[in-house]
Amino acid sequence: MLKGIITLLLFQFLGECISKLFELLVPGPVIGMVLLLIFLIIKKSSFESLDNAVSLHLRYLPLLFIPAAMGIITQVDILSKEFLAISVSLVFGTIIALAFSAKLMDYLTIRQENKK
């Protein structure tokens, strides 16, 4: 499992380095996860210690939402002022994400059927 945690930290570090080096607005951990995804796609499989490290982190993922919820509670005045803009963006963002996901699933299903 140590090898898996080191792998996750390595990709996060690479993402941070790229983010700082090129002064990107995208956070380093996001870039690191994209790099890890590309690595796993190229490798075409994972390894056991990475799977164990990821499952351990996923088990405690709900704990990471507590600070975000507390941040929302402390910003009630801003949220009440911008309620309409936030609501509209959430609704349209959800509709766009659902439409994109449906179209992607349709494309992948047709592609899978054509392979057979």
Protein backbone atom coordinates (compact mmCIF):
# COMPACT_ATOMS: atom_id res chain seq x y z
CA MET A 1 0.00 0.00 0.00
CA LEU A 2 2.98 2.32 0.58
CA LYS A 3 3.82 2.13 -3.11
CA GLY A 4 0.26 3.23 -3.95
CA ILE A 5 0.36 6.22 -1.57
CA ILE A 6 3.76 7.24 -2.94
CA THR A 7 2.33 7.00 -6.48
CA LEU A 8 -0.59 9.27 -5.55
CA LEU A 9 1.73 11.77 -3.87
CA LEU A 10 4.12 11.70 -6.81
CA PHE A 11 1.37 12.55 -9.29
CA GLN A 12 0.05 15.28 -6.99
CA PHE A 13 3.58 16.71 -6.75
CA LEU A 14 3.96 16.64 -10.55
CA GLY A 15 0.62 18.39 -10.90
CA GLU A 16 1.66 21.07 -8.40
CA CYS A 17 4.95 21.58 -10.22
CA ILE A 18 3.23 21.96 -13.59
CA SER A 19 0.63 24.31 -12.11
CA LYS A 20 3.26 26.55 -10.49
CA LEU A 21 5.72 26.38 -13.41
CA PHE A 22 3.17 27.46 -16.03
CA GLU A 23 1.14 29.63 -13.61
CA LEU A 24 -2.08 27.80 -14.46
CA LEU A 25 -5.41 28.50 -12.81
CA VAL A 26 -6.08 24.77 -12.51
CA PRO A 27 -5.10 23.37 -9.09
CA GLY A 28 -2.09 21.06 -8.97
CA PRO A 29 -3.98 18.04 -7.58
CA VAL A 30 -6.41 18.20 -10.51
CA ILE A 31 -3.54 18.21 -12.98
CA GLY A 32 -1.96 15.35 -11.02
CA MET A 33 -5.14 13.28 -11.24
CA VAL A 34 -5.31 13.88 -15.00
CA LEU A 35 -1.69 12.76 -15.28
CA LEU A 36 -2.50 9.66 -13.20
CA LEU A 37 -5.46 8.93 -15.48
CA ILE A 38 -3.24 9.21 -18.55
CA PHE A 39 -0.65 6.97 -16.88
CA LEU A 40 -3.27 4.31 -16.09
CA ILE A 41 -4.72 4.49 -19.61
CA ILE A 42 -1.27 3.98 -21.12
CA LYS A 43 -0.47 1.19 -18.65
CA LYS A 44 -3.94 -0.33 -19.28
CA SER A 45 -4.19 -1.54 -15.69
CA SER A 46 -3.64 -0.56 -12.11
CA PHE A 47 -1.60 -2.31 -9.44
CA GLU A 48 -2.71 -3.75 -6.13
CA SER A 49 -1.04 -1.26 -3.82
CA LEU A 50 -2.57 1.68 -5.71
CA ASP A 51 -5.99 0.02 -5.54
CA ASN A 52 -5.60 -0.46 -1.78
CA ALA A 53 -4.49 3.15 -1.23
CA VAL A 54 -7.37 4.51 -3.29
CA SER A 55 -9.96 2.34 -1.52
CA LEU A 56 -8.61 3.50 1.85
CA HIS A 57 -8.95 7.14 0.80
CA LEU A 58 -12.43 6.59 -0.65
CA ARG A 59 -13.59 5.07 2.63
CA TYR A 60 -12.92 8.40 4.41
CA LEU A 61 -13.96 10.71 1.56
CA PRO A 62 -17.14 11.97 3.30
CA LEU A 63 -14.96 13.53 6.02
CA LEU A 64 -13.55 15.91 3.40
CA PHE A 65 -16.99 17.46 2.87
CA ILE A 66 -17.24 18.75 6.44
CA PRO A 67 -14.84 21.71 5.90
CA ALA A 68 -16.66 22.63 2.68
CA ALA A 69 -20.01 22.59 4.48
CA MET A 70 -18.60 24.78 7.24
CA GLY A 71 -17.31 27.21 4.63
CA ILE A 72 -20.77 27.46 3.15
CA ILE A 73 -22.28 28.17 6.56
CA THR A 74 -19.85 31.02 7.19
CA GLN A 75 -20.70 32.64 3.83
CA VAL A 76 -24.49 32.86 4.25
CA ASP A 77 -24.58 36.61 3.59
CA ILE A 78 -22.79 36.26 0.24
CA LEU A 79 -24.94 33.26 -0.71
CA SER A 80 -28.14 35.15 0.04
CA LYS A 81 -27.03 38.11 -2.12
CA GLU A 82 -26.02 35.89 -5.04
CA PHE A 83 -28.75 33.26 -4.65
CA LEU A 84 -30.31 33.81 -8.09
CA ALA A 85 -26.98 33.65 -9.95
CA ILE A 86 -25.90 30.56 -8.03
CA SER A 87 -29.24 28.82 -8.60
CA VAL A 88 -29.29 29.58 -12.33
CA SER A 89 -25.71 28.42 -12.80
CA LEU A 90 -26.36 25.22 -10.84
CA VAL A 91 -29.48 24.39 -12.88
CA PHE A 92 -27.91 25.12 -16.26
CA GLY A 93 -24.64 23.46 -15.30
CA THR A 94 -26.53 20.33 -14.27
CA ILE A 95 -28.53 20.31 -17.52
CA ILE A 96 -25.37 20.74 -19.60
CA ALA A 97 -23.56 17.99 -17.68
CA LEU A 98 -26.50 15.60 -18.05
CA ALA A 99 -26.83 16.32 -21.78
CA PHE A 100 -23.10 15.83 -22.32
CA SER A 101 -23.10 12.58 -20.31
CA ALA A 102 -26.09 11.24 -22.23
CA LYS A 103 -24.51 12.09 -25.58
CA LEU A 104 -21.21 10.51 -24.51
CA MET A 105 -22.97 7.32 -23.36
CA ASP A 106 -24.86 7.21 -26.65
CA TYR A 107 -21.63 7.57 -28.61
CA LEU A 108 -19.83 4.93 -26.53
CA THR A 109 -22.75 2.49 -26.82
CA ILE A 110 -22.86 2.85 -30.60
CA ARG A 111 -19.08 2.46 -30.76
CA GLN A 112 -19.23 -0.70 -28.62
CA GLU A 113 -21.99 -2.18 -30.81
CA ASN A 114 -20.00 -1.46 -33.95
CA LYS A 115 -17.00 -3.36 -32.54
CA LYS A 116 -19.13 -6.50 -32.18
